[in-house]
Amino acid sequence: MPKRPETSQTLSRGLDVLRLLAGPEAPLSTARIAAELGLSRAIVYRLVSTLAEHGLVRRNPDGSLAIGLGALQLTQNLHAGLRDTANEYLDRLANEAGATAHLVVADGDDALALAVVEPRGTTFHVAHRVGSRTPLGVGAAGKALVAAREGRGGLFFSEGELTPGAYGISAPLPRVRGIAAAVGIVTLAGNATPVMRELVERTALELDDALGSPVIPAPDEPDTAG
């Protein structure tokens, strides 16, 4: 039986606290966090104090706890990393499908176009701009992001919902943790083919695997702290 990698219980608990404080029910009290995680208030107090020292947690005047601005430093390169990883897959998808390919992420109530690749060698294709925003839940990409937030897969379609004459095919990336993401294409209505659907589905599986793979510490560098 393979030996499981060593992990840090203290670090794991601290990350659990951050996940709660980054959730929709925050800010939370120390007592509420302790109850949610099944820990004593003393342990939660020590975890929160350490996280607050690094700016990852802040205390409100009423004593409640919320995610701190220091957490922004941990995510400032997240979009760049997603974009760099996705570009190779998007380039292949765009040119095999002959349609504009994109990676979108949920940003609040918007679907944000994080990476876009237009096909080479096509006479006409639908333009799409990096940084463009559309309502979450609208269009193929917006629907796929809702599914990603719920941990669901599948294919989603739209015709003319956001741009007249445009047809979208998107698939969620449910294994990507920390952010809802989806990949897809947009083409001219009437040009969509079953092959395009297969290409989007294949790319979603491959990209979901690439972006969602867990990081396992090297066996010769165990973290036994805590």
C-alpha atoms as a PDB file:
ATOM      1  CA  MET A   1       0.000   0.000   0.000  1.00  0.00           C
ATOM      2  CA  PRO A   2       1.549   3.378  -1.013  1.00  0.00           C
ATOM      3  CA  LYS A   3       2.440   5.706   1.821  1.00  0.00           C
ATOM      4  CA  ARG A   4       0.300   8.832   1.990  1.00  0.00           C
ATOM      5  CA  PRO A   5       2.218  12.121   1.832  1.00  0.00           C
ATOM      6  CA  GLU A   6       2.779  13.928   5.123  1.00  0.00           C
ATOM      7  CA  THR A   7       0.533  16.963   5.611  1.00  0.00           C
ATOM      8  CA  SER A   8       0.279  19.866   8.047  1.00  0.00           C
ATOM      9  CA  GLN A   9      -2.858  19.764  10.200  1.00  0.00           C
ATOM     10  CA  THR A  10      -2.386  23.362  11.303  1.00  0.00           C
ATOM     11  CA  LEU A  11      -2.068  24.613   7.733  1.00  0.00           C
ATOM     12  CA  SER A  12      -5.090  22.578   6.692  1.00  0.00           C
ATOM     13  CA  ARG A  13      -7.166  24.088   9.479  1.00  0.00           C
ATOM     14  CA  GLY A  14      -6.029  27.589   8.582  1.00  0.00           C
ATOM     15  CA  LEU A  15      -7.072  27.049   4.970  1.00  0.00           C
ATOM     16  CA  ASP A  16     -10.451  25.793   6.160  1.00  0.00           C
ATOM     17  CA  VAL A  17     -10.898  29.056   8.079  1.00  0.00           C
ATOM     18  CA  LEU A  18     -10.033  31.077   4.970  1.00  0.00           C
ATOM     19  CA  ARG A  19     -12.529  29.102   2.856  1.00  0.00           C
ATOM     20  CA  LEU A  20     -15.292  29.878   5.333  1.00  0.00           C
ATOM     21  CA  LEU A  21     -14.423  33.570   5.439  1.00  0.00           C
ATOM     22  CA  ALA A  22     -14.305  33.719   1.641  1.00  0.00           C
ATOM     23  CA  GLY A  23     -17.798  32.217   1.443  1.00  0.00           C
ATOM     24  CA  PRO A  24     -21.158  33.955   1.038  1.00  0.00           C
ATOM     25  CA  GLU A  25     -22.055  33.863   4.757  1.00  0.00           C
ATOM     26  CA  ALA A  26     -19.057  35.880   5.970  1.00  0.00           C
ATOM     27  CA  PRO A  27     -18.307  37.803   8.132  1.00  0.00           C
ATOM     28  CA  LEU A  28     -18.444  35.163  10.858  1.00  0.00           C
ATOM     29  CA  SER A  29     -17.821  35.007  14.601  1.00  0.00           C
ATOM     30  CA  THR A  30     -15.113  32.901  16.186  1.00  0.00           C
ATOM     31  CA  ALA A  31     -17.821  30.736  17.733  1.00  0.00           C
ATOM     32  CA  ARG A  32     -19.483  30.163  14.359  1.00  0.00           C
ATOM     33  CA  ILE A  33     -16.179  29.168  12.740  1.00  0.00           C
ATOM     34  CA  ALA A  34     -15.407  26.800  15.609  1.00  0.00           C
ATOM     35  CA  ALA A  35     -18.825  25.175  15.263  1.00  0.00           C
ATOM     36  CA  GLU A  36     -18.563  24.855  11.468  1.00  0.00           C
ATOM     37  CA  LEU A  37     -15.118  23.235  11.628  1.00  0.00           C
ATOM     38  CA  GLY A  38     -15.620  21.203  14.795  1.00  0.00           C
ATOM     39  CA  LEU A  39     -12.722  22.929  16.563  1.00  0.00           C
ATOM     40  CA  SER A  40     -12.369  24.587  19.950  1.00  0.00           C
ATOM     41  CA  ARG A  41     -12.591  28.366  20.163  1.00  0.00           C
ATOM     42  CA  ALA A  42      -9.025  28.466  21.483  1.00  0.00           C
ATOM     43  CA  ILE A  43      -7.687  26.732  18.357  1.00  0.00           C
ATOM     44  CA  VAL A  44      -9.721  28.995  16.068  1.00  0.00           C
ATOM     45  CA  TYR A  45      -8.491  32.068  17.970  1.00  0.00           C
ATOM     46  CA  ARG A  46      -4.855  31.045  17.426  1.00  0.00           C
ATOM     47  CA  LEU A  47      -5.462  30.317  13.744  1.00  0.00           C
ATOM     48  CA  VAL A  48      -7.238  33.632  13.216  1.00  0.00           C
ATOM     49  CA  SER A  49      -4.533  35.571  15.063  1.00  0.00           C
ATOM     50  CA  THR A  50      -1.835  34.061  12.819  1.00  0.00           C
ATOM     51  CA  LEU A  51      -3.833  34.732   9.650  1.00  0.00           C
ATOM     52  CA  ALA A  52      -4.505  38.296  10.791  1.00  0.00           C
ATOM     53  CA  GLU A  53      -0.762  38.900  11.261  1.00  0.00           C
ATOM     54  CA  HIS A  54      -0.338  38.198   7.547  1.00  0.00           C
ATOM     55  CA  GLY A  55      -3.307  40.350   6.553  1.00  0.00           C
ATOM     56  CA  LEU A  56      -5.347  37.354   5.419  1.00  0.00           C
ATOM     57  CA  VAL A  57      -8.073  37.915   8.035  1.00  0.00           C
ATOM     58  CA  ARG A  58      -9.426  41.159   9.465  1.00  0.00           C
ATOM     59  CA  ARG A  59     -11.489  41.837  12.576  1.00  0.00           C
ATOM     60  CA  ASN A  60     -14.504  44.098  12.210  1.00  0.00           C
ATOM     61  CA  PRO A  61     -15.438  46.587  14.967  1.00  0.00           C
ATOM     62  CA  ASP A  62     -18.231  44.248  16.118  1.00  0.00           C
ATOM     63  CA  GLY A  63     -15.725  41.414  16.574  1.00  0.00           C
ATOM     64  CA  SER A  64     -16.753  39.455  13.504  1.00  0.00           C
ATOM     65  CA  LEU A  65     -14.128  38.112  11.127  1.00  0.00           C
ATOM     66  CA  ALA A  66     -13.775  38.605   7.375  1.00  0.00           C
ATOM     67  CA  ILE A  67     -11.271  37.834   4.640  1.00  0.00           C
ATOM     68  CA  GLY A  68      -8.404  40.341   4.631  1.00  0.00           C
ATOM     69  CA  LEU A  69      -6.966  42.387   1.798  1.00  0.00           C
ATOM     70  CA  GLY A  70      -3.763  40.356   2.056  1.00  0.00           C
ATOM     71  CA  ALA A  71      -5.616  37.540   0.336  1.00  0.00           C
ATOM     72  CA  LEU A  72      -5.540  39.600  -2.860  1.00  0.00           C
ATOM     73  CA  GLN A  73      -1.777  39.121  -3.045  1.00  0.00           C
ATOM     74  CA  LEU A  74      -2.297  35.360  -3.143  1.00  0.00           C
ATOM     75  CA  THR A  75      -4.607  35.630  -6.162  1.00  0.00           C
ATOM     76  CA  GLN A  76      -3.017  38.435  -8.175  1.00  0.00           C
ATOM     77  CA  ASN A  77      -1.302  35.993 -10.535  1.00  0.00           C
ATOM     78  CA  LEU A  78      -4.196  33.514 -10.687  1.00  0.00           C
ATOM     79  CA  HIS A  79      -5.680  34.871 -13.907  1.00  0.00           C
ATOM     80  CA  ALA A  80      -2.268  35.022 -15.580  1.00  0.00           C
ATOM     81  CA  GLY A  81      -1.580  31.398 -14.667  1.00  0.00           C
ATOM     82  CA  LEU A  82      -4.942  30.226 -15.988  1.00  0.00           C
ATOM     83  CA  ARG A  83      -4.457  32.181 -19.200  1.00  0.00           C
ATOM     84  CA  ASP A  84      -0.954  30.867 -19.832  1.00  0.00           C
ATOM     85  CA  THR A  85      -2.026  27.265 -19.323  1.00  0.00           C
ATOM     86  CA  ALA A  86      -5.167  27.619 -21.435  1.00  0.00           C
ATOM     87  CA  ASN A  87      -3.666  29.340 -24.488  1.00  0.00           C
ATOM     88  CA  GLU A  88      -2.191  26.164 -25.978  1.00  0.00           C
ATOM     89  CA  TYR A  89      -5.522  24.348 -25.700  1.00  0.00           C
ATOM     90  CA  LEU A  90      -7.477  27.334 -27.021  1.00  0.00           C
ATOM     91  CA  ASP A  91      -5.185  27.701 -30.021  1.00  0.00           C
ATOM     92  CA  ARG A  92      -5.744  24.092 -31.007  1.00  0.00           C
ATOM     93  CA  LEU A  93      -9.497  24.329 -30.405  1.00  0.00           C
ATOM     94  CA  ALA A  94      -9.866  27.543 -32.430  1.00  0.00           C
ATOM     95  CA  ASN A  95      -8.001  26.226 -35.446  1.00  0.00           C
ATOM     96  CA  GLU A  96      -9.519  22.748 -35.461  1.00  0.00           C
ATOM     97  CA  ALA A  97     -13.032  24.162 -35.070  1.00  0.00           C
ATOM     98  CA  GLY A  98     -12.489  27.184 -37.306  1.00  0.00           C
ATOM     99  CA  ALA A  99     -14.123  29.333 -34.643  1.00  0.00           C
ATOM    100  CA  THR A 100     -13.107  31.769 -31.915  1.00  0.00           C
ATOM    101  CA  ALA A 101     -12.199  29.922 -28.708  1.00  0.00           C
ATOM    102  CA  HIS A 102     -12.272  31.399 -25.230  1.00  0.00           C
ATOM    103  CA  LEU A 103     -11.707  30.706 -21.546  1.00  0.00           C
ATOM    104  CA  VAL A 104     -14.147  32.510 -19.255  1.00  0.00           C
ATOM    105  CA  VAL A 105     -14.279  32.806 -15.480  1.00  0.00           C
ATOM    106  CA  ALA A 106     -16.976  33.983 -13.103  1.00  0.00           C
ATOM    107  CA  ASP A 107     -16.258  37.395 -11.602  1.00  0.00           C
ATOM    108  CA  GLY A 108     -19.126  38.343  -9.326  1.00  0.00           C
ATOM    109  CA  ASP A 109     -22.270  38.321 -11.446  1.00  0.00           C
ATOM    110  CA  ASP A 110     -20.298  38.524 -14.707  1.00  0.00           C
ATOM    111  CA  ALA A 111     -18.681  36.084 -17.098  1.00  0.00           C
ATOM    112  CA  LEU A 112     -15.211  37.513 -17.761  1.00  0.00           C
ATOM    113  CA  ALA A 113     -13.339  36.578 -20.951  1.00  0.00           C
ATOM    114  CA  LEU A 114      -9.891  35.696 -19.626  1.00  0.00           C
ATOM    115  CA  ALA A 115      -8.289  34.333 -22.807  1.00  0.00           C
ATOM    116  CA  VAL A 116      -9.393  34.457 -26.447  1.00  0.00           C
ATOM    117  CA  VAL A 117      -7.853  32.858 -29.546  1.00  0.00           C
ATOM    118  CA  GLU A 118      -9.213  33.558 -33.017  1.00  0.00           C
ATOM    119  CA  PRO A 119      -8.733  30.960 -35.772  1.00  0.00           C
ATOM    120  CA  ARG A 120      -6.111  31.372 -38.458  1.00  0.00           C
ATOM    121  CA  GLY A 121      -7.035  30.959 -42.096  1.00  0.00           C
ATOM    122  CA  THR A 122     -10.776  31.607 -41.841  1.00  0.00           C
ATOM    123  CA  THR A 123     -12.515  34.201 -43.994  1.00  0.00           C
ATOM    124  CA  PHE A 124     -15.119  35.125 -41.383  1.00  0.00           C
ATOM    125  CA  HIS A 125     -15.316  34.480 -37.664  1.00  0.00           C
ATOM    126  CA  VAL A 126     -16.970  36.074 -34.654  1.00  0.00           C
ATOM    127  CA  ALA A 127     -14.679  38.479 -32.813  1.00  0.00           C
ATOM    128  CA  HIS A 128     -14.359  38.264 -29.045  1.00  0.00           C
ATOM    129  CA  ARG A 129     -12.308  40.550 -26.804  1.00  0.00           C
ATOM    130  CA  VAL A 130     -10.234  39.637 -23.754  1.00  0.00           C
ATOM    131  CA  GLY A 131     -11.704  41.405 -20.740  1.00  0.00           C
ATOM    132  CA  SER A 132     -15.238  41.575 -22.107  1.00  0.00           C
ATOM    133  CA  ARG A 133     -18.019  40.917 -19.626  1.00  0.00           C
ATOM    134  CA  THR A 134     -21.446  39.370 -20.064  1.00  0.00           C
ATOM    135  CA  PRO A 135     -24.128  38.477 -17.498  1.00  0.00           C
ATOM    136  CA  LEU A 136     -23.644  35.212 -15.652  1.00  0.00           C
ATOM    137  CA  GLY A 137     -26.219  32.635 -16.723  1.00  0.00           C
ATOM    138  CA  VAL A 138     -26.742  34.211 -20.147  1.00  0.00           C
ATOM    139  CA  GLY A 139     -25.255  32.702 -23.299  1.00  0.00           C
ATOM    140  CA  ALA A 140     -23.462  29.371 -23.532  1.00  0.00           C
ATOM    141  CA  ALA A 141     -20.458  30.533 -21.502  1.00  0.00           C
ATOM    142  CA  GLY A 142     -22.584  32.126 -18.787  1.00  0.00           C
ATOM    143  CA  LYS A 143     -24.638  28.946 -18.421  1.00  0.00           C
ATOM    144  CA  ALA A 144     -21.503  26.820 -18.278  1.00  0.00           C
ATOM    145  CA  LEU A 145     -20.094  28.983 -15.476  1.00  0.00           C
ATOM    146  CA  VAL A 146     -23.224  28.451 -13.393  1.00  0.00           C
ATOM    147  CA  ALA A 147     -22.736  24.700 -13.876  1.00  0.00           C
ATOM    148  CA  ALA A 148     -19.049  25.024 -12.924  1.00  0.00           C
ATOM    149  CA  ARG A 149     -20.000  26.723  -9.663  1.00  0.00           C
ATOM    150  CA  GLU A 150     -22.265  23.769  -8.913  1.00  0.00           C
ATOM    151  CA  GLY A 151     -19.566  21.241  -9.825  1.00  0.00           C
ATOM    152  CA  ARG A 152     -21.434  19.996 -12.895  1.00  0.00           C
ATOM    153  CA  GLY A 153     -20.190  19.128 -16.352  1.00  0.00           C
ATOM    154  CA  GLY A 154     -21.957  18.980 -19.702  1.00  0.00           C
ATOM    155  CA  LEU A 155     -22.298  21.101 -22.831  1.00  0.00           C
ATOM    156  CA  PHE A 156     -24.230  24.354 -23.079  1.00  0.00           C
ATOM    157  CA  PHE A 157     -25.470  26.165 -26.167  1.00  0.00           C
ATOM    158  CA  SER A 158     -26.886  29.525 -27.158  1.00  0.00           C
ATOM    159  CA  GLU A 159     -27.926  31.293 -30.332  1.00  0.00           C
ATOM    160  CA  GLY A 160     -28.202  35.055 -30.582  1.00  0.00           C
ATOM    161  CA  GLU A 161     -28.556  35.572 -26.820  1.00  0.00           C
ATOM    162  CA  LEU A 162     -25.660  38.010 -26.561  1.00  0.00           C
ATOM    163  CA  THR A 163     -24.729  38.774 -30.177  1.00  0.00           C
ATOM    164  CA  PRO A 164     -27.215  38.526 -33.045  1.00  0.00           C
ATOM    165  CA  GLY A 165     -26.181  35.807 -35.473  1.00  0.00           C
ATOM    166  CA  ALA A 166     -23.703  34.181 -33.086  1.00  0.00           C
ATOM    167  CA  TYR A 167     -23.829  30.595 -31.853  1.00  0.00           C
ATOM    168  CA  GLY A 168     -22.005  29.502 -28.709  1.00  0.00           C
ATOM    169  CA  ILE A 169     -20.893  26.144 -27.364  1.00  0.00           C
ATOM    170  CA  SER A 170     -19.318  25.979 -23.896  1.00  0.00           C
ATOM    171  CA  ALA A 171     -18.390  23.422 -21.259  1.00  0.00           C
ATOM    172  CA  PRO A 172     -17.638  23.987 -17.562  1.00  0.00           C
ATOM    173  CA  LEU A 173     -14.356  23.037 -15.886  1.00  0.00           C
ATOM    174  CA  PRO A 174     -15.699  21.669 -12.594  1.00  0.00           C
ATOM    175  CA  ARG A 175     -12.361  20.428 -11.241  1.00  0.00           C
ATOM    176  CA  VAL A 176     -10.759  23.897 -11.218  1.00  0.00           C
ATOM    177  CA  ARG A 177     -10.788  24.914  -7.562  1.00  0.00           C
ATOM    178  CA  GLY A 178     -11.243  28.409  -6.230  1.00  0.00           C
ATOM    179  CA  ILE A 179     -12.850  29.888  -9.339  1.00  0.00           C
ATOM    180  CA  ALA A 180     -15.634  28.948 -11.751  1.00  0.00           C
ATOM    181  CA  ALA A 181     -14.219  28.497 -15.259  1.00  0.00           C
ATOM    182  CA  ALA A 182     -15.482  27.336 -18.649  1.00  0.00           C
ATOM    183  CA  VAL A 183     -14.109  26.865 -22.153  1.00  0.00           C
ATOM    184  CA  GLY A 184     -15.947  27.189 -25.430  1.00  0.00           C
ATOM    185  CA  ILE A 185     -16.245  28.594 -28.906  1.00  0.00           C
ATOM    186  CA  VAL A 186     -18.418  31.136 -30.651  1.00  0.00           C
ATOM    187  CA  THR A 187     -19.222  30.871 -34.341  1.00  0.00           C
ATOM    188  CA  LEU A 188     -21.735  32.156 -36.842  1.00  0.00           C
ATOM    189  CA  ALA A 189     -25.226  30.760 -36.454  1.00  0.00           C
ATOM    190  CA  GLY A 190     -25.722  28.010 -39.019  1.00  0.00           C
ATOM    191  CA  ASN A 191     -22.035  27.084 -39.019  1.00  0.00           C
ATOM    192  CA  ALA A 192     -22.107  24.935 -35.905  1.00  0.00           C
ATOM    193  CA  THR A 193     -21.440  21.238 -36.462  1.00  0.00           C
ATOM    194  CA  PRO A 194     -21.391  18.092 -34.289  1.00  0.00           C
ATOM    195  CA  VAL A 195     -17.607  18.077 -34.703  1.00  0.00           C
ATOM    196  CA  MET A 196     -17.403  21.464 -32.981  1.00  0.00           C
ATOM    197  CA  ARG A 197     -19.305  20.064 -30.023  1.00  0.00           C
ATOM    198  CA  GLU A 198     -16.920  17.124 -29.809  1.00  0.00           C
ATOM    199  CA  LEU A 199     -13.921  19.463 -29.945  1.00  0.00           C
ATOM    200  CA  VAL A 200     -15.263  21.643 -27.135  1.00  0.00           C
ATOM    201  CA  GLU A 201     -16.035  18.589 -25.037  1.00  0.00           C
ATOM    202  CA  ARG A 202     -12.555  17.135 -25.592  1.00  0.00           C
ATOM    203  CA  THR A 203     -10.826  20.430 -24.851  1.00  0.00           C
ATOM    204  CA  ALA A 204     -12.849  20.863 -21.660  1.00  0.00           C
ATOM    205  CA  LEU A 205     -11.796  17.432 -20.420  1.00  0.00           C
ATOM    206  CA  GLU A 206      -8.124  18.070 -21.207  1.00  0.00           C
ATOM    207  CA  LEU A 207      -8.047  21.598 -19.814  1.00  0.00           C
ATOM    208  CA  ASP A 208      -9.992  20.608 -16.717  1.00  0.00           C
ATOM    209  CA  ASP A 209      -7.392  17.920 -16.086  1.00  0.00           C
ATOM    210  CA  ALA A 210      -4.507  20.351 -16.644  1.00  0.00           C
ATOM    211  CA  LEU A 211      -5.916  23.090 -14.419  1.00  0.00           C
ATOM    212  CA  GLY A 212      -7.516  20.875 -11.812  1.00  0.00           C
ATOM    213  CA  SER A 213      -4.632  18.495 -11.087  1.00  0.00           C
ATOM    214  CA  PRO A 214      -3.781  18.469  -7.363  1.00  0.00           C
ATOM    215  CA  VAL A 215      -0.307  19.420  -6.189  1.00  0.00           C
ATOM    216  CA  ILE A 216       1.358  16.602  -4.225  1.00  0.00           C
ATOM    217  CA  PRO A 217       4.448  17.478  -2.133  1.00  0.00           C
ATOM    218  CA  ALA A 218       7.643  15.647  -2.953  1.00  0.00           C
ATOM    219  CA  PRO A 219       8.155  12.636  -0.667  1.00  0.00           C
ATOM    220  CA  ASP A 220      11.626  13.818   0.347  1.00  0.00           C
ATOM    221  CA  GLU A 221      10.309  17.221   1.446  1.00  0.00           C
ATOM    222  CA  PRO A 222       7.578  16.378   3.963  1.00  0.00           C
ATOM    223  CA  ASP A 223       5.841  19.129   5.902  1.00  0.00           C
ATOM    224  CA  THR A 224       5.349  17.812   9.420  1.00  0.00           C
ATOM    225  CA  ALA A 225       4.750  21.165  11.110  1.00  0.00           C
ATOM    226  CA  GLY A 226       1.573  21.390  13.151  1.00  0.00           C
END
